[in-house]
Amino acid sequence: RDVLLEHIGSYPKHNIVLAPMNTKISTIGAAMAAFERDEVQLTYGSAGMYNFYNYSMPEDNCIIFRTPSFPV
């Protein structure tokens, strides 16, 4: 969120559309930026094909992080 908001601040007179396509964490960051700045729009780029066979492998660990609360 913070990195996106800093970058967005460099373009004050532009139409901003974010299309997070990496991880759920980046999607949360994009949503938090959009909640903070009304001019930010979110979109979704659907995949043309999914890599089912090499998508991910389960591990023994879990990453937990806290997101700041924001108005909905």
N, C-alpha and C. Protein backbone atom coordinates (compact mmCIF):
# COMPACT_ATOMS: atom_id res chain seq x y z
N ARG A 1 0.82 -1.19 0.00
CA ARG A 1 0.00 0.00 0.00
C ARG A 1 0.86 1.25 0.00
N ASP A 2 1.82 1.30 0.89
CA ASP A 2 2.64 2.50 1.01
C ASP A 2 3.45 2.76 -0.26
N VAL A 3 4.03 1.72 -0.83
CA VAL A 3 4.81 1.88 -2.06
C VAL A 3 3.90 2.34 -3.20
N LEU A 4 2.72 1.74 -3.30
CA LEU A 4 1.77 2.14 -4.34
C LEU A 4 1.35 3.60 -4.17
N LEU A 5 1.02 3.99 -2.94
CA LEU A 5 0.58 5.37 -2.70
C LEU A 5 1.69 6.36 -3.00
N GLU A 6 2.92 6.00 -2.68
CA GLU A 6 4.04 6.89 -3.01
C GLU A 6 4.17 7.05 -4.52
N HIS A 7 4.08 5.95 -5.24
CA HIS A 7 4.18 6.00 -6.70
C HIS A 7 3.00 6.76 -7.32
N ILE A 8 1.82 6.51 -6.82
CA ILE A 8 0.62 7.20 -7.31
C ILE A 8 0.74 8.70 -7.09
N GLY A 9 1.34 9.09 -5.97
CA GLY A 9 1.53 10.51 -5.67
C GLY A 9 2.40 11.23 -6.68
N SER A 10 3.20 10.50 -7.45
CA SER A 10 4.05 11.09 -8.49
C SER A 10 3.25 11.49 -9.73
N TYR A 11 2.01 11.07 -9.81
CA TYR A 11 1.17 11.33 -10.98
C TYR A 11 -0.17 11.94 -10.55
N PRO A 12 -0.15 13.17 -10.04
CA PRO A 12 -1.36 13.75 -9.44
C PRO A 12 -2.50 14.02 -10.42
N LYS A 13 -2.22 14.18 -11.70
CA LYS A 13 -3.29 14.52 -12.65
C LYS A 13 -3.55 13.37 -13.62
N HIS A 14 -3.27 12.16 -13.20
CA HIS A 14 -3.45 11.00 -14.06
C HIS A 14 -4.57 10.10 -13.54
N ASN A 15 -5.14 9.36 -14.45
CA ASN A 15 -6.12 8.34 -14.12
C ASN A 15 -5.35 7.09 -13.69
N ILE A 16 -5.57 6.61 -12.48
CA ILE A 16 -4.80 5.49 -11.94
C ILE A 16 -5.67 4.23 -11.92
N VAL A 17 -5.20 3.18 -12.58
CA VAL A 17 -5.88 1.89 -12.57
C VAL A 17 -4.85 0.85 -12.15
N LEU A 18 -5.14 0.12 -11.09
CA LEU A 18 -4.25 -0.92 -10.61
C LEU A 18 -4.80 -2.29 -10.98
N ALA A 19 -3.92 -3.16 -11.46
CA ALA A 19 -4.31 -4.53 -11.79
C ALA A 19 -3.34 -5.48 -11.08
N PRO A 20 -3.56 -5.75 -9.79
CA PRO A 20 -2.65 -6.65 -9.07
C PRO A 20 -2.76 -8.06 -9.63
N MET A 21 -1.63 -8.63 -10.03
CA MET A 21 -1.65 -9.95 -10.66
C MET A 21 -0.59 -10.88 -10.08
N ASN A 22 -0.10 -10.57 -8.90
CA ASN A 22 1.00 -11.35 -8.39
C ASN A 22 0.56 -12.28 -7.27
N THR A 23 0.27 -11.73 -6.12
CA THR A 23 -0.08 -12.55 -4.97
C THR A 23 -1.29 -11.97 -4.26
N LYS A 24 -1.83 -12.72 -3.35
CA LYS A 24 -2.94 -12.19 -2.54
C LYS A 24 -2.48 -11.01 -1.71
N ILE A 25 -1.21 -11.02 -1.27
CA ILE A 25 -0.69 -9.89 -0.49
C ILE A 25 -0.66 -8.62 -1.33
N SER A 26 -0.24 -8.71 -2.59
CA SER A 26 -0.22 -7.51 -3.44
C SER A 26 -1.64 -7.03 -3.73
N THR A 27 -2.58 -7.95 -3.83
CA THR A 27 -3.98 -7.57 -4.05
C THR A 27 -4.52 -6.82 -2.84
N ILE A 28 -4.17 -7.27 -1.63
CA ILE A 28 -4.59 -6.57 -0.42
C ILE A 28 -3.99 -5.16 -0.40
N GLY A 29 -2.72 -5.04 -0.74
CA GLY A 29 -2.08 -3.73 -0.78
C GLY A 29 -2.74 -2.80 -1.78
N ALA A 30 -3.10 -3.30 -2.94
CA ALA A 30 -3.78 -2.49 -3.95
C ALA A 30 -5.15 -2.06 -3.46
N ALA A 31 -5.87 -2.96 -2.82
CA ALA A 31 -7.19 -2.61 -2.28
C ALA A 31 -7.08 -1.55 -1.20
N MET A 32 -6.08 -1.68 -0.33
CA MET A 32 -5.90 -0.68 0.72
C MET A 32 -5.56 0.68 0.14
N ALA A 33 -4.76 0.71 -0.92
CA ALA A 33 -4.44 1.98 -1.59
C ALA A 33 -5.70 2.58 -2.20
N ALA A 34 -6.54 1.75 -2.81
CA ALA A 34 -7.77 2.24 -3.42
C ALA A 34 -8.75 2.77 -2.37
N PHE A 35 -8.80 2.13 -1.21
CA PHE A 35 -9.67 2.64 -0.14
C PHE A 35 -9.19 4.00 0.36
N GLU A 36 -7.89 4.21 0.32
CA GLU A 36 -7.34 5.47 0.82
C GLU A 36 -7.44 6.60 -0.20
N ARG A 37 -7.36 6.28 -1.48
CA ARG A 37 -7.39 7.31 -2.52
C ARG A 37 -8.54 7.02 -3.47
N ASP A 38 -9.55 7.87 -3.45
CA ASP A 38 -10.77 7.66 -4.25
C ASP A 38 -10.50 7.61 -5.75
N GLU A 39 -9.44 8.27 -6.22
CA GLU A 39 -9.18 8.29 -7.66
C GLU A 39 -8.56 6.99 -8.18
N VAL A 40 -8.17 6.11 -7.29
CA VAL A 40 -7.56 4.84 -7.70
C VAL A 40 -8.67 3.84 -8.04
N GLN A 41 -8.54 3.23 -9.21
CA GLN A 41 -9.48 2.20 -9.65
C GLN A 41 -8.78 0.85 -9.65
N LEU A 42 -9.51 -0.19 -9.35
CA LEU A 42 -8.96 -1.54 -9.38
C LEU A 42 -9.58 -2.31 -10.54
N THR A 43 -8.80 -3.17 -11.14
CA THR A 43 -9.30 -4.05 -12.18
C THR A 43 -8.69 -5.43 -11.97
N TYR A 44 -9.21 -6.40 -12.66
CA TYR A 44 -8.72 -7.77 -12.55
C TYR A 44 -8.38 -8.28 -13.93
N GLY A 45 -7.17 -8.76 -14.09
CA GLY A 45 -6.77 -9.37 -15.36
C GLY A 45 -6.87 -10.88 -15.23
N SER A 46 -7.86 -11.46 -15.85
CA SER A 46 -8.03 -12.91 -15.74
C SER A 46 -6.96 -13.63 -16.56
N ALA A 47 -6.54 -14.75 -16.05
CA ALA A 47 -5.50 -15.53 -16.72
C ALA A 47 -6.07 -16.24 -17.94
N GLY A 48 -5.31 -16.28 -19.00
CA GLY A 48 -5.71 -17.01 -20.19
C GLY A 48 -5.56 -18.50 -19.99
N MET A 49 -4.59 -18.89 -19.15
CA MET A 49 -4.35 -20.30 -18.87
C MET A 49 -3.69 -20.39 -17.50
N TYR A 50 -4.07 -21.37 -16.72
CA TYR A 50 -3.49 -21.60 -15.41
C TYR A 50 -2.48 -22.73 -15.47
N ASN A 51 -1.43 -22.61 -14.69
CA ASN A 51 -0.41 -23.64 -14.59
C ASN A 51 -0.78 -24.55 -13.42
N PHE A 52 -1.68 -25.48 -13.65
CA PHE A 52 -2.15 -26.37 -12.59
C PHE A 52 -1.04 -27.27 -12.04
N TYR A 53 -0.17 -27.73 -12.89
CA TYR A 53 0.80 -28.73 -12.48
C TYR A 53 1.97 -28.16 -11.69
N ASN A 54 2.31 -26.92 -11.90
CA ASN A 54 3.43 -26.30 -11.20
C ASN A 54 3.02 -25.05 -10.45
N TYR A 55 1.77 -24.96 -10.07
CA TYR A 55 1.25 -23.74 -9.45
C TYR A 55 1.91 -23.47 -8.09
N SER A 56 1.86 -24.40 -7.19
CA SER A 56 2.49 -24.21 -5.88
C SER A 56 2.69 -25.57 -5.21
N MET A 57 3.60 -25.56 -4.26
CA MET A 57 3.87 -26.76 -3.49
C MET A 57 3.63 -26.42 -2.02
N PRO A 58 2.95 -27.28 -1.27
CA PRO A 58 2.72 -27.00 0.14
C PRO A 58 4.04 -27.06 0.92
N GLU A 59 4.09 -26.26 1.98
CA GLU A 59 5.27 -26.25 2.85
C GLU A 59 4.84 -26.42 4.30
N ASP A 60 5.82 -26.42 5.18
CA ASP A 60 5.56 -26.61 6.60
C ASP A 60 5.42 -25.30 7.36
N ASN A 61 5.42 -24.18 6.69
CA ASN A 61 5.39 -22.90 7.41
C ASN A 61 4.18 -22.07 7.03
N CYS A 62 3.97 -21.05 7.80
CA CYS A 62 2.85 -20.15 7.59
C CYS A 62 3.33 -18.72 7.83
N ILE A 63 2.99 -17.81 6.95
CA ILE A 63 3.35 -16.41 7.11
C ILE A 63 2.12 -15.67 7.63
N ILE A 64 2.29 -14.99 8.75
CA ILE A 64 1.19 -14.22 9.34
C ILE A 64 1.61 -12.77 9.38
N PHE A 65 0.77 -11.88 8.92
CA PHE A 65 1.06 -10.45 8.99
C PHE A 65 -0.21 -9.71 9.34
N ARG A 66 -0.04 -8.55 9.90
CA ARG A 66 -1.17 -7.74 10.35
C ARG A 66 -1.36 -6.59 9.38
N THR A 67 -2.59 -6.40 8.93
CA THR A 67 -2.90 -5.26 8.08
C THR A 67 -3.61 -4.21 8.93
N PRO A 68 -3.31 -2.94 8.66
CA PRO A 68 -4.02 -1.90 9.40
C PRO A 68 -5.50 -1.90 9.03
N SER A 69 -6.34 -1.56 9.98
CA SER A 69 -7.76 -1.51 9.67
C SER A 69 -8.06 -0.25 8.87
N PHE A 70 -9.03 -0.35 8.00
CA PHE A 70 -9.43 0.80 7.18
C PHE A 70 -10.93 0.74 6.99
N PRO A 71 -11.55 1.90 6.77
CA PRO A 71 -13.01 1.92 6.64
C PRO A 71 -13.47 1.21 5.38
N VAL A 72 -14.59 0.56 5.47
CA VAL A 72 -15.15 -0.15 4.31
C VAL A 72 -16.35 0.61 3.81
